[in-house]
C-alpha atoms as a PDB file:
ATOM      1  CA  MET A   1      -8.571  11.701   8.606  1.00  0.00           C
ATOM      2  CA  LEU A   2      -6.783   8.967  10.759  1.00  0.00           C
ATOM      3  CA  LYS A   3      -2.824  10.295  12.289  1.00  0.00           C
ATOM      4  CA  PRO A   4      -0.485   7.654  12.222  1.00  0.00           C
ATOM      5  CA  VAL A   5       1.744   7.207  15.374  1.00  0.00           C
ATOM      6  CA  ASN A   6       4.488   4.943  16.637  1.00  0.00           C
ATOM      7  CA  ARG A   7       6.469   4.479  13.621  1.00  0.00           C
ATOM      8  CA  HIS A   8       3.509   4.035  11.111  1.00  0.00           C
ATOM      9  CA  ILE A   9       2.888   5.396   7.868  1.00  0.00           C
ATOM     10  CA  LEU A  10      -0.824   6.227   6.235  1.00  0.00           C
ATOM     11  CA  ILE A  11      -0.788   5.016   2.601  1.00  0.00           C
ATOM     12  CA  ASN A  12      -3.039   4.869  -0.107  1.00  0.00           C
ATOM     13  CA  LYS A  13      -4.240   1.237  -1.328  1.00  0.00           C
ATOM     14  CA  GLN A  14      -4.995   1.743  -5.477  1.00  0.00           C
ATOM     15  CA  GLU A  15      -6.803  -0.610  -6.278  1.00  0.00           C
ATOM     16  CA  LYS A  16      -5.772  -2.456  -9.613  1.00  0.00           C
ATOM     17  CA  THR A  17      -8.384  -3.336 -12.232  1.00  0.00           C
ATOM     18  CA  LYS A  18      -8.482  -6.952 -13.679  1.00  0.00           C
ATOM     19  CA  GLU A  19      -9.451  -7.000 -17.561  1.00  0.00           C
ATOM     20  CA  ARG A  20      -9.741 -10.583 -18.911  1.00  0.00           C
ATOM     21  CA  LYS A  21     -10.046 -10.993 -22.531  1.00  0.00           C
ATOM     22  CA  SER A  22      -8.986 -14.113 -22.647  1.00  0.00           C
ATOM     23  CA  GLU A  23     -10.817 -17.338 -23.787  1.00  0.00           C
ATOM     24  CA  LEU A  24      -8.899 -19.904 -21.632  1.00  0.00           C
ATOM     25  CA  PHE A  25     -10.549 -22.108 -19.279  1.00  0.00           C
ATOM     26  CA  LEU A  26      -9.309 -22.326 -15.938  1.00  0.00           C
ATOM     27  CA  PRO A  27     -10.103 -24.249 -12.401  1.00  0.00           C
ATOM     28  CA  GLU A  28     -13.019 -22.107 -10.456  1.00  0.00           C
ATOM     29  CA  ASP A  29     -10.028 -22.251  -7.857  1.00  0.00           C
ATOM     30  CA  TYR A  30      -7.365 -20.927  -9.849  1.00  0.00           C
ATOM     31  CA  ALA A  31      -5.845 -17.365  -8.703  1.00  0.00           C
ATOM     32  CA  PRO A  32      -3.092 -15.535 -10.317  1.00  0.00           C
ATOM     33  CA  LYS A  33      -0.057 -15.338  -8.303  1.00  0.00           C
ATOM     34  CA  GLU A  34      -0.124 -11.764  -6.451  1.00  0.00           C
ATOM     35  CA  GLU A  35       2.945  -9.338  -6.554  1.00  0.00           C
ATOM     36  CA  VAL A  36       4.801  -9.880  -3.249  1.00  0.00           C
ATOM     37  CA  HIS A  37       5.640  -5.919  -3.476  1.00  0.00           C
ATOM     38  CA  SER A  38       3.577  -2.755  -4.440  1.00  0.00           C
ATOM     39  CA  SER A  39       4.215   0.763  -4.499  1.00  0.00           C
ATOM     40  CA  TYR A  40       1.809   3.018  -2.369  1.00  0.00           C
ATOM     41  CA  GLU A  41       1.343   7.085  -2.304  1.00  0.00           C
ATOM     42  CA  VAL A  42       2.242   8.366   0.881  1.00  0.00           C
ATOM     43  CA  LEU A  43      -1.043  10.235   2.754  1.00  0.00           C
ATOM     44  CA  ASP A  44       0.638  11.116   6.409  1.00  0.00           C
ATOM     45  CA  TRP A  45       3.445   9.454   8.423  1.00  0.00           C
ATOM     46  CA  SER A  46       4.233   9.704  12.407  1.00  0.00           C
ATOM     47  CA  GLU A  47       6.887  12.239  13.470  1.00  0.00           C
ATOM     48  CA  ASP A  48       9.280   9.354  14.713  1.00  0.00           C
ATOM     49  CA  ILE A  49       9.582   7.318  11.491  1.00  0.00           C
ATOM     50  CA  ARG A  50      13.177   6.578  10.405  1.00  0.00           C
ATOM     51  CA  PHE A  51      13.893   7.951   6.901  1.00  0.00           C
ATOM     52  CA  GLU A  52      12.541  11.075   5.039  1.00  0.00           C
ATOM     53  CA  LEU A  53       9.122  11.061   3.379  1.00  0.00           C
ATOM     54  CA  LYS A  54       7.244  13.493   1.038  1.00  0.00           C
ATOM     55  CA  LYS A  55       3.081  13.718   0.894  1.00  0.00           C
ATOM     56  CA  GLY A  56       2.183  12.238  -2.483  1.00  0.00           C
ATOM     57  CA  GLY A  57       5.019  10.520  -2.519  1.00  0.00           C
ATOM     58  CA  PHE A  58       5.523   6.345  -3.096  1.00  0.00           C
ATOM     59  CA  VAL A  59       6.665   3.925  -0.643  1.00  0.00           C
ATOM     60  CA  VAL A  60       7.209   0.219  -1.633  1.00  0.00           C
ATOM     61  CA  VAL A  61       6.068  -2.257   0.774  1.00  0.00           C
ATOM     62  CA  ASP A  62       5.848  -6.032   1.108  1.00  0.00           C
ATOM     63  CA  ASN A  63       1.970  -6.508   0.612  1.00  0.00           C
ATOM     64  CA  LYS A  64       1.092  -8.988   3.286  1.00  0.00           C
ATOM     65  CA  MET A  65       2.495  -6.320   6.230  1.00  0.00           C
ATOM     66  CA  ILE A  66      -0.038  -3.445   5.166  1.00  0.00           C
ATOM     67  CA  GLU A  67      -3.059  -3.740   7.747  1.00  0.00           C
ATOM     68  CA  LYS A  68      -6.511  -2.162   7.041  1.00  0.00           C
ATOM     69  CA  ILE A  69      -8.360   0.213   9.861  1.00  0.00           C
ATOM     70  CA  SER A  70     -12.017   0.435   9.150  1.00  0.00           C
ATOM     71  CA  ILE A  71     -13.163   3.475  11.304  1.00  0.00           C
ATOM     72  CA  ASN A  72     -17.042   4.662  10.957  1.00  0.00           C
ATOM     73  CA  ASN A  73     -17.463   3.060   7.747  1.00  0.00           C
ATOM     74  CA  VAL A  74     -13.724   4.335   6.293  1.00  0.00           C
ATOM     75  CA  ASP A  75     -10.894   2.122   5.443  1.00  0.00           C
ATOM     76  CA  TYR A  76      -7.650   3.295   6.326  1.00  0.00           C
ATOM     77  CA  PHE A  77      -4.071   1.351   5.103  1.00  0.00           C
ATOM     78  CA  ILE A  78      -1.270   1.650   7.132  1.00  0.00           C
ATOM     79  CA  VAL A  79       2.402   0.437   7.143  1.00  0.00           C
ATOM     80  CA  GLN A  80       5.242   0.386  10.091  1.00  0.00           C
ATOM     81  CA  ASP A  81       8.407   1.758   8.796  1.00  0.00           C
ATOM     82  CA  ASN A  82      10.634  -1.048   8.761  1.00  0.00           C
ATOM     83  CA  TYR A  83       8.444  -2.994   6.476  1.00  0.00           C
ATOM     84  CA  VAL A  84       9.296   0.217   3.604  1.00  0.00           C
ATOM     85  CA  VAL A  85      11.924  -1.386   1.505  1.00  0.00           C
ATOM     86  CA  GLY A  86      11.999   1.549  -0.839  1.00  0.00           C
ATOM     87  CA  ILE A  87      11.194   5.179  -1.373  1.00  0.00           C
ATOM     88  CA  PHE A  88       9.888   7.377  -4.331  1.00  0.00           C
ATOM     89  CA  ASN A  89       9.706  11.063  -3.505  1.00  0.00           C
ATOM     90  CA  LYS A  90       8.417  11.911  -7.075  1.00  0.00           C
ATOM     91  CA  THR A  91       5.340  11.060  -8.671  1.00  0.00           C
ATOM     92  CA  LEU A  92       5.096   7.374 -10.566  1.00  0.00           C
ATOM     93  CA  GLY A  93       4.866   7.576 -14.215  1.00  0.00           C
END
């Protein structure tokens, strides 16, 4: 597993399932507006981050600031600690 350094946090990007049961006809180039922020599960973090995290907790992050790293056909998602806008140290439910 990738060990984050330099104030980075390793997160689990959870894919959202999209169900469409609508009978509306939309233009082919239509795309629904993406959410600006989402919550992500914390997997690991660098020792020099500036706040306390717990494995299995969640962080709220601006979706544009997430970096995808692919190594040996495995995708890792990281974010630098200054892009975290909130923390949930308990399971979301």
